[in-house]
Amino acid sequence: MAPGRNQDAPDRPATEPPAAPHPHARAPRMRDTAEDADDRTRPMDQNNPKQMSRHLWWRVGYFLFAIHLVALLMIFAMSHAPK
């Protein structure tokens, strides 16, 4: 890096202050996990480990929810069973 150059923006000299954001500019929105709008409609890529991991955790969550639902149903049934 040549002396007197800005490391963050090499095309600008170091003495030039960075441009301030517009006072009425909105903060950037949080992005969805999908890269593009089309990602939600594309089929799942079996070779993408991030996508497979996300899919696995959704399945684990649904499984645990179902197990707890069945357990609560059994507890309710046992507590209301005739003696």
Protein backbone atom coordinates (compact mmCIF):
# COMPACT_ATOMS: atom_id res chain seq x y z
CA MET A 1 0.00 0.00 0.00
CA ALA A 2 1.43 3.35 -1.00
CA PRO A 3 1.87 5.94 1.80
CA GLY A 4 -0.93 8.48 2.03
CA ARG A 5 -3.61 6.06 0.75
CA ASN A 6 -6.72 5.00 2.64
CA GLN A 7 -6.73 1.27 3.43
CA ASP A 8 -10.54 1.07 3.58
CA ALA A 9 -11.01 2.71 0.20
CA PRO A 10 -7.79 2.53 -1.83
CA ASP A 11 -9.16 4.81 -4.58
CA ARG A 12 -9.48 7.76 -2.12
CA PRO A 13 -6.60 9.64 -0.50
CA ALA A 14 -6.29 9.21 3.27
CA THR A 15 -6.78 12.95 3.88
CA GLU A 16 -10.29 12.95 2.39
CA PRO A 17 -12.94 12.26 5.06
CA PRO A 18 -15.37 9.39 4.41
CA ALA A 19 -18.73 10.36 2.97
CA ALA A 20 -21.42 10.78 5.63
CA PRO A 21 -24.70 8.95 5.13
CA HIS A 22 -27.74 10.98 4.21
CA PRO A 23 -29.52 12.16 7.40
CA HIS A 24 -32.85 10.71 6.25
CA ALA A 25 -31.43 7.44 4.96
CA ARG A 26 -33.05 4.31 6.32
CA ALA A 27 -31.06 1.67 8.11
CA PRO A 28 -30.46 -1.43 6.00
CA ARG A 29 -33.11 -4.09 6.45
CA MET A 30 -32.21 -7.43 7.91
CA ARG A 31 -31.92 -9.95 5.11
CA ASP A 32 -33.76 -13.20 5.05
CA THR A 33 -31.69 -16.38 5.05
CA ALA A 34 -32.57 -16.79 1.39
CA GLU A 35 -30.06 -15.07 -0.87
CA ASP A 36 -32.58 -14.17 -3.59
CA ALA A 37 -36.35 -14.07 -3.74
CA ASP A 38 -36.14 -17.15 -5.96
CA ASP A 39 -34.36 -19.18 -3.28
CA ARG A 40 -37.61 -19.92 -1.49
CA THR A 41 -39.09 -21.56 -4.55
CA ARG A 42 -36.03 -23.52 -5.68
CA PRO A 43 -35.78 -27.17 -4.70
CA MET A 44 -33.40 -27.99 -1.89
CA ASP A 45 -29.80 -28.55 -2.98
CA GLN A 46 -28.55 -31.82 -1.48
CA ASN A 47 -24.92 -30.67 -1.85
CA ASN A 48 -25.38 -27.44 0.13
CA PRO A 49 -24.43 -28.21 3.77
CA LYS A 50 -25.95 -24.97 5.12
CA GLN A 51 -29.28 -25.72 3.50
CA MET A 52 -29.19 -29.35 4.66
CA SER A 53 -28.37 -28.30 8.22
CA ARG A 54 -31.26 -25.81 8.28
CA HIS A 55 -33.61 -28.49 6.91
CA LEU A 56 -32.42 -30.98 9.53
CA TRP A 57 -33.01 -28.55 12.41
CA TRP A 58 -36.56 -27.84 11.20
CA ARG A 59 -37.24 -31.59 11.17
CA VAL A 60 -35.77 -31.98 14.66
CA GLY A 61 -37.96 -29.12 15.89
CA TYR A 62 -41.12 -30.63 14.42
CA PHE A 63 -40.23 -34.04 15.88
CA LEU A 64 -39.69 -32.63 19.38
CA PHE A 65 -42.92 -30.64 19.16
CA ALA A 66 -44.86 -33.77 18.15
CA ILE A 67 -43.32 -35.86 20.96
CA HIS A 68 -44.28 -33.24 23.55
CA LEU A 69 -47.77 -32.94 22.11
CA VAL A 70 -48.28 -36.71 22.37
CA ALA A 71 -46.89 -36.71 25.92
CA LEU A 72 -49.27 -33.93 27.00
CA LEU A 73 -52.18 -35.77 25.38
CA MET A 74 -51.28 -38.95 27.28
CA ILE A 75 -50.98 -37.06 30.57
CA PHE A 76 -54.38 -35.48 29.95
CA ALA A 77 -55.91 -38.87 29.09
CA MET A 78 -54.45 -40.54 32.20
CA SER A 79 -55.59 -37.75 34.52
CA HIS A 80 -59.16 -37.93 33.14
CA ALA A 81 -59.43 -41.72 32.97
CA PRO A 82 -62.13 -43.36 35.11
CA LYS A 83 -60.79 -44.88 38.31
